[in-house]
Every structure is written in C-alpha cells, then in structure tokens.
C-alpha cells in the first residue's frame, strides 16, 4: 500500500477545476480530495461553486481543502484573479482541469443557428480550454511551476455526432489543442493531456438519451448503447482513475499530448 500511495497520492497537488459545479467536476474533485489534494472549484456563478463545495465537504469531510470561486472562463482577468485567490487560500495551483463545457440543442446542419453555434464553440473551446490554459500556463511559466493540465474532449472529437455541429467541432478542437499545447509547454515541464468520455448521463444530455415520461431509452439512446460494446452508459466515477493517473508525475510523468477514451469501447466499431 505504501507503493500505491507513493505512486498515486495527490497530497502535493492544488487543483483548479473549471465548470466546478458540474457532475464530472464533482466526481473528479471528490476523487482528488480523497487522494489528498486541495481543490479550487471555478464556476460561472459563485452560488453554484459554493453549493458544490458543500456537497464535496459532506462527501469527503475535507472542507478545509476546498475552495469555491465565481470565475468567468471567457475572461482572462477573471481567471487571473482566480489563480491569485487560489494561491492565497490553498497554495500555488499546479493542476488545471478544464471541465467547463456542454451542448445547446440539436438540428439538421442547414437549420443550424449560427449565434447558437458560436455560443457552444465559446463554451467548449474558448472557455473550455483556450482562456484558462493560456492564463494558467503563463502563470506557471513565470513562477517556474511544473504543472499538469487535463482537457475534457468527447467521442465527438473522433467521430461526428449528427445534429450537434458546434459541439463536435469544438471538441475536435479541444483534442487538437491538447496536442499542440503539449508540445508548446513541454520545455517548461508542463504536461497537457485529455480525457474523452463516452456517454455518461448528465443534465445536458439526459432528455436526448432517456425518455423523461417513460424512463426508456430514446432512439438516440438506443443507438448509443448499440454502438457501445459494454452495453451501458458510463458512470462519472469511472473517469476518476485515469484523471489521477494523468495528474501524478510518478505515474505518468512522461505522458503528454494524449487523449484517453473512457468509453466502454464506443470507438471500437468493427464488424
């Protein structure tokens, strides 16, 4: 057990998580806290971040290692302020998890709402990666911090999903920038990797996959399950092991620029 603690302990980690009130962020934060880390939850509304903090305190008893902040991930100044507040309260952050994202609607391509398309791209690519990564990497380089970044991509990063054009384009961009940033930041000993979740039920996609009246799968949900060899949706707790692996230098110190699917075999679509 001493070996496992040495390999996977996060006791020296101060982790900032964007989209901090979301289901994936909650599961990851709980795992990070249980592994000894300090966690700063960043969300667009302070009340959501503080509510998430309380839920995590109830689950882990680690309230003194949790911070909830209102952060606009589209604003460089807001992210800069969050980094300063995190440093003041928890210590210098050395991990960034870009968990902000989501989708808005579904339509045929020729009926796509361009304003909505831009909103979804901003949410998933600009707020979901570009601004927090730019500001945090600059902060680390100036302070000579050896940091780690985890970006959340998607099955849509690899294979387009019909009807969600902006989401797919943005998530493909997330995987592309994960590789690009990994090369750019490697000389500064900053690792950049990604996780590509398969299909996990959350607020954003529940109605798309499960009929709210009957509880049965929708046609889209049936297609997803038919495409997934494991024959089920994932549970967000199943993302935590790979996240801890990617954060720990002892476990993955020579790993950068990769995106790891956690998808029940969804990408293995052979005949």
Foldseek 3Di string as FASTA:
>chain_A
DVVCLVQQACQVAEEEEEVCLFPLNLLQVLLNVVSNAAYEYEYQDQVSQVVSLVVSCVVRVPSLRYHYDNADLLDLVRLVVSQVVSCVRHRHHFEYELPWAAADWFDAPVPDDVVRLVVRLCRCANSSDNRNPVNSLVVCLVVLHQHEYEGEAEPLLPPNDHGGVSNSVNSVVRLVVQQVVQVVCVVSNYAGEYEYEAADDTPRCPVVFAPPVPRHGDPVVVVSLVLAPQNDHDYSNLVNVVVSQRGGCSNQVPDHSYYHYPHNCNVVRDD
